[in-house]
């Protein structure tokens, strides 16, 4: 899940921001950022995933295989295209952790 991803605004803008799709859109910036810069992951979970009846994963469209394939295809093709460019991104100022 890309729900708790932290990405530089400049990098998000450079690769076009969030895709305009109804679901799986949180994974788009995560994969496109991963294509051009190294990252790191927390050792332990940093969120609690709560489910509720109105969330997008409960809608029938979310479970439709054709719709899912289109969403995933859009996100993966964008990340692959950026990766093929061979471009690497570096922040102007490093993050202080």
PDB file of N, CA and C in Angstrom:
ATOM      1  N   UNK A   1       0.825  -1.190   0.000  1.00  0.00           N
ATOM      2  CA  UNK A   1       0.000   0.000   0.000  1.00  0.00           C
ATOM      3  C   UNK A   1       0.866   1.250   0.000  1.00  0.00           C
ATOM      4  N   UNK A   2       0.447   2.227  -0.745  1.00  0.00           N
ATOM      5  CA  UNK A   2       1.169   3.480  -0.772  1.00  0.00           C
ATOM      6  C   UNK A   2       0.495   4.551   0.070  1.00  0.00           C
ATOM      7  N   UNK A   3      -0.344   4.164   1.006  1.00  0.00           N
ATOM      8  CA  UNK A   3      -1.135   5.145   1.759  1.00  0.00           C
ATOM      9  C   UNK A   3      -0.313   5.994   2.703  1.00  0.00           C
ATOM     10  N   UNK A   4       0.832   5.529   3.140  1.00  0.00           N
ATOM     11  CA  UNK A   4       1.642   6.317   4.063  1.00  0.00           C
ATOM     12  C   UNK A   4       2.991   6.660   3.451  1.00  0.00           C
ATOM     13  N   UNK A   5       3.029   6.766   2.164  1.00  0.00           N
ATOM     14  CA  UNK A   5       4.246   7.120   1.451  1.00  0.00           C
ATOM     15  C   UNK A   5       4.545   8.603   1.629  1.00  0.00           C
ATOM     16  N   UNK A   6       5.799   8.928   1.816  1.00  0.00           N
ATOM     17  CA  UNK A   6       6.242  10.317   1.857  1.00  0.00           C
ATOM     18  C   UNK A   6       7.174  10.535   0.671  1.00  0.00           C
ATOM     19  N   UNK A   7       6.781  11.429  -0.226  1.00  0.00           N
ATOM     20  CA  UNK A   7       7.549  11.683  -1.444  1.00  0.00           C
ATOM     21  C   UNK A   7       7.686  13.198  -1.606  1.00  0.00           C
ATOM     22  N   UNK A   8       8.853  13.653  -2.019  1.00  0.00           N
ATOM     23  CA  UNK A   8       9.058  15.078  -2.273  1.00  0.00           C
ATOM     24  C   UNK A   8       8.028  15.587  -3.284  1.00  0.00           C
ATOM     25  N   UNK A   9       7.481  16.770  -3.029  1.00  0.00           N
ATOM     26  CA  UNK A   9       6.521  17.391  -3.943  1.00  0.00           C
ATOM     27  C   UNK A   9       7.127  17.554  -5.331  1.00  0.00           C
ATOM     28  N   UNK A  10       8.365  17.986  -5.396  1.00  0.00           N
ATOM     29  CA  UNK A  10       9.059  18.173  -6.673  1.00  0.00           C
ATOM     30  C   UNK A  10       9.091  16.872  -7.484  1.00  0.00           C
ATOM     31  N   UNK A  11       9.323  15.764  -6.824  1.00  0.00           N
ATOM     32  CA  UNK A  11       9.361  14.468  -7.506  1.00  0.00           C
ATOM     33  C   UNK A  11       7.973  14.049  -7.973  1.00  0.00           C
ATOM     34  N   UNK A  12       6.971  14.267  -7.138  1.00  0.00           N
ATOM     35  CA  UNK A  12       5.588  13.954  -7.534  1.00  0.00           C
ATOM     36  C   UNK A  12       5.214  14.744  -8.788  1.00  0.00           C
ATOM     37  N   UNK A  13       5.538  16.019  -8.810  1.00  0.00           N
ATOM     38  CA  UNK A  13       5.214  16.851  -9.974  1.00  0.00           C
ATOM     39  C   UNK A  13       5.991  16.412 -11.209  1.00  0.00           C
ATOM     40  N   UNK A  14       7.244  16.014 -11.022  1.00  0.00           N
ATOM     41  CA  UNK A  14       8.081  15.603 -12.158  1.00  0.00           C
ATOM     42  C   UNK A  14       7.521  14.389 -12.879  1.00  0.00           C
ATOM     43  N   UNK A  15       6.869  13.511 -12.156  1.00  0.00           N
ATOM     44  CA  UNK A  15       6.319  12.333 -12.838  1.00  0.00           C
ATOM     45  C   UNK A  15       4.799  12.366 -12.971  1.00  0.00           C
ATOM     46  N   UNK A  16       4.220  13.553 -12.842  1.00  0.00           N
ATOM     47  CA  UNK A  16       2.818  13.727 -13.206  1.00  0.00           C
ATOM     48  C   UNK A  16       1.800  13.570 -12.093  1.00  0.00           C
ATOM     49  N   UNK A  17       2.225  13.377 -10.871  1.00  0.00           N
ATOM     50  CA  UNK A  17       1.287  13.295  -9.757  1.00  0.00           C
ATOM     51  C   UNK A  17       0.496  11.999  -9.710  1.00  0.00           C
ATOM     52  N   UNK A  18      -0.664  12.079  -9.099  1.00  0.00           N
ATOM     53  CA  UNK A  18      -1.507  10.898  -8.937  1.00  0.00           C
ATOM     54  C   UNK A  18      -2.279  10.622 -10.219  1.00  0.00           C
ATOM     55  N   UNK A  19      -2.396   9.355 -10.600  1.00  0.00           N
ATOM     56  CA  UNK A  19      -3.203   9.030 -11.779  1.00  0.00           C
ATOM     57  C   UNK A  19      -4.687   9.248 -11.474  1.00  0.00           C
ATOM     58  N   UNK A  20      -5.430   9.669 -12.475  1.00  0.00           N
ATOM     59  CA  UNK A  20      -6.860   9.940 -12.303  1.00  0.00           C
ATOM     60  C   UNK A  20      -7.660   8.658 -12.496  1.00  0.00           C
ATOM     61  N   UNK A  21      -7.541   7.764 -11.534  1.00  0.00           N
ATOM     62  CA  UNK A  21      -8.272   6.500 -11.557  1.00  0.00           C
ATOM     63  C   UNK A  21      -8.973   6.331 -10.214  1.00  0.00           C
ATOM     64  N   UNK A  22     -10.084   5.579 -10.166  1.00  0.00           N
ATOM     65  CA  UNK A  22     -10.879   5.505  -8.943  1.00  0.00           C
ATOM     66  C   UNK A  22     -10.296   4.634  -7.825  1.00  0.00           C
ATOM     67  N   UNK A  23      -9.327   3.815  -8.126  1.00  0.00           N
ATOM     68  CA  UNK A  23      -8.713   2.949  -7.110  1.00  0.00           C
ATOM     69  C   UNK A  23      -7.306   2.600  -7.569  1.00  0.00           C
ATOM     70  N   UNK A  24      -6.457   2.161  -6.643  1.00  0.00           N
ATOM     71  CA  UNK A  24      -5.071   1.791  -6.930  1.00  0.00           C
ATOM     72  C   UNK A  24      -4.216   3.021  -7.212  1.00  0.00           C
ATOM     73  N   UNK A  25      -4.809   4.208  -7.046  1.00  0.00           N
ATOM     74  CA  UNK A  25      -4.086   5.446  -7.345  1.00  0.00           C
ATOM     75  C   UNK A  25      -2.974   5.727  -6.342  1.00  0.00           C
ATOM     76  N   UNK A  26      -3.062   5.154  -5.155  1.00  0.00           N
ATOM     77  CA  UNK A  26      -2.001   5.368  -4.166  1.00  0.00           C
ATOM     78  C   UNK A  26      -0.712   4.650  -4.543  1.00  0.00           C
ATOM     79  N   UNK A  27      -0.821   3.629  -5.366  1.00  0.00           N
ATOM     80  CA  UNK A  27       0.356   2.856  -5.776  1.00  0.00           C
ATOM     81  C   UNK A  27       1.121   3.571  -6.894  1.00  0.00           C
ATOM     82  N   UNK A  28       0.444   4.387  -7.697  1.00  0.00           N
ATOM     83  CA  UNK A  28       1.085   5.080  -8.814  1.00  0.00           C
ATOM     84  C   UNK A  28       2.301   5.903  -8.427  1.00  0.00           C
ATOM     85  N   UNK A  29       2.151   6.875  -7.523  1.00  0.00           N
ATOM     86  CA  UNK A  29       3.317   7.669  -7.120  1.00  0.00           C
ATOM     87  C   UNK A  29       4.410   6.829  -6.461  1.00  0.00           C
ATOM     88  N   UNK A  30       4.009   5.815  -5.735  1.00  0.00           N
ATOM     89  CA  UNK A  30       4.987   4.946  -5.080  1.00  0.00           C
ATOM     90  C   UNK A  30       5.872   4.249  -6.112  1.00  0.00           C
ATOM     91  N   UNK A  31       5.267   3.675  -7.146  1.00  0.00           N
ATOM     92  CA  UNK A  31       6.042   2.952  -8.163  1.00  0.00           C
ATOM     93  C   UNK A  31       6.844   3.884  -9.065  1.00  0.00           C
ATOM     94  N   UNK A  32       6.285   5.046  -9.398  1.00  0.00           N
ATOM     95  CA  UNK A  32       7.049   5.960 -10.250  1.00  0.00           C
ATOM     96  C   UNK A  32       8.223   6.569  -9.491  1.00  0.00           C
ATOM     97  N   UNK A  33       8.050   6.831  -8.207  1.00  0.00           N
ATOM     98  CA  UNK A  33       9.181   7.319  -7.402  1.00  0.00           C
ATOM     99  C   UNK A  33      10.244   6.232  -7.279  1.00  0.00           C
ATOM    100  N   UNK A  34       9.813   5.013  -7.046  1.00  0.00           N
ATOM    101  CA  UNK A  34      10.749   3.891  -6.919  1.00  0.00           C
ATOM    102  C   UNK A  34      11.555   3.690  -8.191  1.00  0.00           C
ATOM    103  N   UNK A  35      10.989   4.075  -9.324  1.00  0.00           N
ATOM    104  CA  UNK A  35      11.674   3.900 -10.607  1.00  0.00           C
ATOM    105  C   UNK A  35      12.879   4.824 -10.765  1.00  0.00           C
ATOM    106  N   UNK A  36      12.916   5.919 -10.004  1.00  0.00           N
ATOM    107  CA  UNK A  36      13.983   6.909 -10.215  1.00  0.00           C
ATOM    108  C   UNK A  36      14.812   7.250  -8.982  1.00  0.00           C
ATOM    109  N   UNK A  37      14.440   6.746  -7.829  1.00  0.00           N
ATOM    110  CA  UNK A  37      15.184   7.075  -6.601  1.00  0.00           C
ATOM    111  C   UNK A  37      15.048   5.938  -5.596  1.00  0.00           C
ATOM    112  N   UNK A  38      16.109   5.707  -4.849  1.00  0.00           N
ATOM    113  CA  UNK A  38      16.053   4.692  -3.799  1.00  0.00           C
ATOM    114  C   UNK A  38      15.230   5.215  -2.630  1.00  0.00           C
ATOM    115  N   UNK A  39      14.594   4.319  -1.939  1.00  0.00           N
ATOM    116  CA  UNK A  39      13.801   4.688  -0.772  1.00  0.00           C
ATOM    117  C   UNK A  39      14.109   3.756   0.380  1.00  0.00           C
ATOM    118  N   UNK A  40      13.311   3.816   1.390  1.00  0.00           N
ATOM    119  CA  UNK A  40      13.454   2.896   2.513  1.00  0.00           C
ATOM    120  C   UNK A  40      12.083   2.621   3.099  1.00  0.00           C
ATOM    121  N   UNK A  41      11.977   1.535   3.817  1.00  0.00           N
ATOM    122  CA  UNK A  41      10.712   1.152   4.442  1.00  0.00           C
ATOM    123  C   UNK A  41      10.882   1.080   5.949  1.00  0.00           C
ATOM    124  N   UNK A  42       9.830   1.413   6.637  1.00  0.00           N
ATOM    125  CA  UNK A  42       9.828   1.276   8.087  1.00  0.00           C
ATOM    126  C   UNK A  42       9.938  -0.190   8.467  1.00  0.00           C
ATOM    127  N   UNK A  43      10.569  -0.424   9.590  1.00  0.00           N
ATOM    128  CA  UNK A  43      10.725  -1.790  10.073  1.00  0.00           C
ATOM    129  C   UNK A  43       9.401  -2.375  10.558  1.00  0.00           C
ATOM    130  N   UNK A  44       8.564  -1.520  11.154  1.00  0.00           N
ATOM    131  CA  UNK A  44       7.292  -1.983  11.711  1.00  0.00           C
ATOM    132  C   UNK A  44       6.143  -1.221  11.059  1.00  0.00           C
ATOM    133  N   UNK A  45       4.943  -1.821  11.026  1.00  0.00           N
ATOM    134  CA  UNK A  45       3.788  -1.129  10.449  1.00  0.00           C
ATOM    135  C   UNK A  45       3.547   0.212  11.121  1.00  0.00           C
ATOM    136  N   UNK A  46       3.133   1.184  10.316  1.00  0.00           N
ATOM    137  CA  UNK A  46       2.900   2.521  10.839  1.00  0.00           C
ATOM    138  C   UNK A  46       1.457   2.967  10.724  1.00  0.00           C
ATOM    139  N   UNK A  47       0.561   2.052  10.428  1.00  0.00           N
ATOM    140  CA  UNK A  47      -0.843   2.419  10.306  1.00  0.00           C
ATOM    141  C   UNK A  47      -1.720   1.226  10.642  1.00  0.00           C
ATOM    142  N   UNK A  48      -2.968   1.519  10.892  1.00  0.00           N
ATOM    143  CA  UNK A  48      -3.972   0.473  11.092  1.00  0.00           C
ATOM    144  C   UNK A  48      -4.926   0.590   9.909  1.00  0.00           C
ATOM    145  N   UNK A  49      -5.123  -0.499   9.196  1.00  0.00           N
ATOM    146  CA  UNK A  49      -6.000  -0.494   8.028  1.00  0.00           C
ATOM    147  C   UNK A  49      -7.406  -0.851   8.478  1.00  0.00           C
ATOM    148  N   UNK A  50      -8.283   0.116   8.476  1.00  0.00           N
ATOM    149  CA  UNK A  50      -9.658  -0.108   8.911  1.00  0.00           C
ATOM    150  C   UNK A  50     -10.561  -0.214   7.695  1.00  0.00           C
ATOM    151  N   UNK A  51     -11.415  -1.203   7.713  1.00  0.00           N
ATOM    152  CA  UNK A  51     -12.364  -1.389   6.618  1.00  0.00           C
ATOM    153  C   UNK A  51     -13.736  -0.876   7.047  1.00  0.00           C
ATOM    154  N   UNK A  52     -14.460  -0.315   6.084  1.00  0.00           N
ATOM    155  CA  UNK A  52     -15.812   0.158   6.347  1.00  0.00           C
ATOM    156  C   UNK A  52     -16.646  -0.051   5.085  1.00  0.00           C
ATOM    157  N   UNK A  53     -17.959  -0.090   5.209  1.00  0.00           N
ATOM    158  CA  UNK A  53     -18.837  -0.425   4.079  1.00  0.00           C
ATOM    159  C   UNK A  53     -18.784   0.536   2.894  1.00  0.00           C
ATOM    160  N   UNK A  54     -18.356   1.779   3.086  1.00  0.00           N
ATOM    161  CA  UNK A  54     -18.376   2.756   2.000  1.00  0.00           C
ATOM    162  C   UNK A  54     -17.043   2.908   1.270  1.00  0.00           C
ATOM    163  N   UNK A  55     -16.040   2.156   1.633  1.00  0.00           N
ATOM    164  CA  UNK A  55     -14.741   2.325   0.972  1.00  0.00           C
ATOM    165  C   UNK A  55     -14.762   1.760  -0.445  1.00  0.00           C
ATOM    166  N   UNK A  56     -13.855   2.244  -1.273  1.00  0.00           N
ATOM    167  CA  UNK A  56     -13.848   1.875  -2.695  1.00  0.00           C
ATOM    168  C   UNK A  56     -13.654   0.384  -2.925  1.00  0.00           C
ATOM    169  N   UNK A  57     -12.954  -0.298  -2.042  1.00  0.00           N
ATOM    170  CA  UNK A  57     -12.724  -1.737  -2.242  1.00  0.00           C
ATOM    171  C   UNK A  57     -13.992  -2.562  -2.055  1.00  0.00           C
ATOM    172  N   UNK A  58     -15.061  -1.954  -1.549  1.00  0.00           N
ATOM    173  CA  UNK A  58     -16.344  -2.651  -1.386  1.00  0.00           C
ATOM    174  C   UNK A  58     -17.248  -2.496  -2.617  1.00  0.00           C
ATOM    175  N   UNK A  59     -16.937  -1.557  -3.488  1.00  0.00           N
ATOM    176  CA  UNK A  59     -17.767  -1.324  -4.672  1.00  0.00           C
ATOM    177  C   UNK A  59     -17.547  -2.427  -5.705  1.00  0.00           C
ATOM    178  N   UNK A  60     -18.580  -2.745  -6.450  1.00  0.00           N
ATOM    179  CA  UNK A  60     -18.487  -3.796  -7.464  1.00  0.00           C
ATOM    180  C   UNK A  60     -17.461  -3.473  -8.541  1.00  0.00           C
ATOM    181  N   UNK A  61     -17.359  -2.194  -8.941  1.00  0.00           N
ATOM    182  CA  UNK A  61     -16.383  -1.807  -9.963  1.00  0.00           C
ATOM    183  C   UNK A  61     -14.960  -2.145  -9.541  1.00  0.00           C
ATOM    184  N   UNK A  62     -14.694  -2.031  -8.258  1.00  0.00           N
ATOM    185  CA  UNK A  62     -13.346  -2.324  -7.763  1.00  0.00           C
ATOM    186  C   UNK A  62     -12.994  -3.791  -7.999  1.00  0.00           C
ATOM    187  N   UNK A  63     -13.966  -4.648  -7.887  1.00  0.00           N
ATOM    188  CA  UNK A  63     -13.728  -6.084  -8.030  1.00  0.00           C
ATOM    189  C   UNK A  63     -13.843  -6.580  -9.481  1.00  0.00           C
ATOM    190  N   UNK A  64     -14.353  -5.728 -10.364  1.00  0.00           N
ATOM    191  CA  UNK A  64     -14.484  -6.109 -11.770  1.00  0.00           C
ATOM    192  C   UNK A  64     -13.094  -6.331 -12.368  1.00  0.00           C
ATOM    193  N   UNK A  65     -12.867  -7.506 -12.919  1.00  0.00           N
ATOM    194  CA  UNK A  65     -11.542  -7.890 -13.414  1.00  0.00           C
ATOM    195  C   UNK A  65     -11.053  -6.990 -14.551  1.00  0.00           C
ATOM    196  N   UNK A  66     -11.944  -6.610 -15.452  1.00  0.00           N
ATOM    197  CA  UNK A  66     -11.555  -5.728 -16.555  1.00  0.00           C
ATOM    198  C   UNK A  66     -11.125  -4.364 -16.024  1.00  0.00           C
ATOM    199  N   UNK A  67     -11.931  -3.802 -15.119  1.00  0.00           N
ATOM    200  CA  UNK A  67     -11.586  -2.509 -14.513  1.00  0.00           C
ATOM    201  C   UNK A  67     -10.254  -2.590 -13.772  1.00  0.00           C
ATOM    202  N   UNK A  68     -10.075  -3.652 -13.020  1.00  0.00           N
ATOM    203  CA  UNK A  68      -8.832  -3.830 -12.264  1.00  0.00           C
ATOM    204  C   UNK A  68      -7.634  -3.887 -13.206  1.00  0.00           C
ATOM    205  N   UNK A  69      -7.747  -4.647 -14.278  1.00  0.00           N
ATOM    206  CA  UNK A  69      -6.643  -4.765 -15.235  1.00  0.00           C
ATOM    207  C   UNK A  69      -6.292  -3.425 -15.879  1.00  0.00           C
ATOM    208  N   UNK A  70      -7.300  -2.607 -16.150  1.00  0.00           N
ATOM    209  CA  UNK A  70      -7.051  -1.279 -16.722  1.00  0.00           C
ATOM    210  C   UNK A  70      -6.300  -0.409 -15.718  1.00  0.00           C
ATOM    211  N   UNK A  71      -6.777  -0.385 -14.477  1.00  0.00           N
ATOM    212  CA  UNK A  71      -6.120   0.433 -13.436  1.00  0.00           C
ATOM    213  C   UNK A  71      -4.675   0.011 -13.223  1.00  0.00           C
ATOM    214  N   UNK A  72      -4.464  -1.265 -13.022  1.00  0.00           N
ATOM    215  CA  UNK A  72      -3.111  -1.773 -12.771  1.00  0.00           C
ATOM    216  C   UNK A  72      -2.227  -1.533 -13.993  1.00  0.00           C
ATOM    217  N   UNK A  73      -2.776  -1.757 -15.186  1.00  0.00           N
ATOM    218  CA  UNK A  73      -2.016  -1.539 -16.415  1.00  0.00           C
ATOM    219  C   UNK A  73      -1.558  -0.098 -16.573  1.00  0.00           C
ATOM    220  N   UNK A  74      -2.447   0.850 -16.262  1.00  0.00           N
ATOM    221  CA  UNK A  74      -2.083   2.270 -16.341  1.00  0.00           C
ATOM    222  C   UNK A  74      -0.940   2.606 -15.396  1.00  0.00           C
ATOM    223  N   UNK A  75      -1.040   2.151 -14.169  1.00  0.00           N
ATOM    224  CA  UNK A  75      -0.015   2.454 -13.162  1.00  0.00           C
ATOM    225  C   UNK A  75       1.317   1.803 -13.526  1.00  0.00           C
ATOM    226  N   UNK A  76       1.287   0.538 -13.902  1.00  0.00           N
ATOM    227  CA  UNK A  76       2.530  -0.166 -14.228  1.00  0.00           C
ATOM    228  C   UNK A  76       3.180   0.366 -15.497  1.00  0.00           C
ATOM    229  N   UNK A  77       2.378   0.689 -16.513  1.00  0.00           N
ATOM    230  CA  UNK A  77       2.967   1.190 -17.762  1.00  0.00           C
ATOM    231  C   UNK A  77       3.637   2.547 -17.547  1.00  0.00           C
ATOM    232  N   UNK A  78       3.055   3.370 -16.700  1.00  0.00           N
ATOM    233  CA  UNK A  78       3.659   4.671 -16.395  1.00  0.00           C
ATOM    234  C   UNK A  78       4.990   4.496 -15.663  1.00  0.00           C
ATOM    235  N   UNK A  79       5.003   3.648 -14.656  1.00  0.00           N
ATOM    236  CA  UNK A  79       6.240   3.400 -13.901  1.00  0.00           C
ATOM    237  C   UNK A  79       7.308   2.775 -14.797  1.00  0.00           C
ATOM    238  N   UNK A  80       6.918   1.840 -15.642  1.00  0.00           N
ATOM    239  CA  UNK A  80       7.880   1.202 -16.556  1.00  0.00           C
ATOM    240  C   UNK A  80       8.461   2.209 -17.544  1.00  0.00           C
ATOM    241  N   UNK A  81       7.614   3.101 -18.068  1.00  0.00           N
ATOM    242  CA  UNK A  81       8.091   4.114 -19.020  1.00  0.00           C
ATOM    243  C   UNK A  81       9.109   5.036 -18.358  1.00  0.00           C
ATOM    244  N   UNK A  82       8.824   5.451 -17.146  1.00  0.00           N
ATOM    245  CA  UNK A  82       9.762   6.320 -16.422  1.00  0.00           C
ATOM    246  C   UNK A  82      11.062   5.575 -16.138  1.00  0.00           C
ATOM    247  N   UNK A  83      10.973   4.325 -15.752  1.00  0.00           N
ATOM    248  CA  UNK A  83      12.177   3.524 -15.477  1.00  0.00           C
ATOM    249  C   UNK A  83      13.034   3.373 -16.739  1.00  0.00           C
ATOM    250  N   UNK A  84      12.400   3.162 -17.885  1.00  0.00           N
ATOM    251  CA  UNK A  84      13.141   2.982 -19.144  1.00  0.00           C
ATOM    252  C   UNK A  84      13.903   4.237 -19.566  1.00  0.00           C
ATOM    253  N   UNK A  85      13.491   5.392 -19.097  1.00  0.00           N
ATOM    254  CA  UNK A  85      14.211   6.626 -19.422  1.00  0.00           C
ATOM    255  C   UNK A  85      15.627   6.623 -18.862  1.00  0.00           C
ATOM    256  N   UNK A  86      15.849   5.862 -17.808  1.00  0.00           N
ATOM    257  CA  UNK A  86      17.170   5.796 -17.203  1.00  0.00           C
ATOM    258  C   UNK A  86      17.512   7.001 -16.345  1.00  0.00           C
ATOM    259  N   UNK A  87      16.546   7.860 -16.133  1.00  0.00           N
ATOM    260  CA  UNK A  87      16.741   9.074 -15.353  1.00  0.00           C
ATOM    261  C   UNK A  87      16.723   8.740 -13.868  1.00  0.00           C
ATOM    262  N   UNK A  88      17.577   9.377 -13.085  1.00  0.00           N
ATOM    263  CA  UNK A  88      17.586   9.212 -11.632  1.00  0.00           C
ATOM    264  C   UNK A  88      17.328  10.571 -10.999  1.00  0.00           C
ATOM    265  N   UNK A  89      16.580  10.590  -9.926  1.00  0.00           N
ATOM    266  CA  UNK A  89      16.248  11.827  -9.225  1.00  0.00           C
ATOM    267  C   UNK A  89      17.034  11.908  -7.936  1.00  0.00           C
ATOM    268  N   UNK A  90      17.459  13.117  -7.603  1.00  0.00           N
ATOM    269  CA  UNK A  90      18.178  13.353  -6.352  1.00  0.00           C
ATOM    270  C   UNK A  90      17.606  14.613  -5.709  1.00  0.00           C
ATOM    271  N   UNK A  91      17.291  14.558  -4.421  1.00  0.00           N
ATOM    272  CA  UNK A  91      16.758  15.762  -3.773  1.00  0.00           C
ATOM    273  C   UNK A  91      17.813  16.859  -3.687  1.00  0.00           C
ATOM    274  N   UNK A  92      17.358  18.095  -3.733  1.00  0.00           N
ATOM    275  CA  UNK A  92      18.291  19.224  -3.595  1.00  0.00           C
ATOM    276  C   UNK A  92      18.907  19.254  -2.203  1.00  0.00           C
ATOM    277  N   UNK A  93      18.095  18.894  -1.222  1.00  0.00           N
ATOM    278  CA  UNK A  93      18.584  18.827   0.154  1.00  0.00           C
ATOM    279  C   UNK A  93      18.207  17.466   0.718  1.00  0.00           C
ATOM    280  N   UNK A  94      19.156  16.769   1.333  1.00  0.00           N
ATOM    281  CA  UNK A  94      18.832  15.453   1.885  1.00  0.00           C
ATOM    282  C   UNK A  94      17.866  15.550   3.066  1.00  0.00           C
ATOM    283  N   UNK A  95      17.136  14.496   3.266  1.00  0.00           N
ATOM    284  CA  UNK A  95      16.197  14.418   4.380  1.00  0.00           C
ATOM    285  C   UNK A  95      16.964  14.201   5.677  1.00  0.00           C
ATOM    286  N   UNK A  96      16.586  14.903   6.691  1.00  0.00           N
ATOM    287  CA  UNK A  96      17.182  14.691   8.018  1.00  0.00           C
ATOM    288  C   UNK A  96      16.263  13.769   8.803  1.00  0.00           C
ATOM    289  N   UNK A  97      16.766  12.620   9.135  1.00  0.00           N
ATOM    290  CA  UNK A  97      15.942  11.646   9.876  1.00  0.00           C
ATOM    291  C   UNK A  97      16.438  11.538  11.298  1.00  0.00           C
TER     292      UNK A  97
END
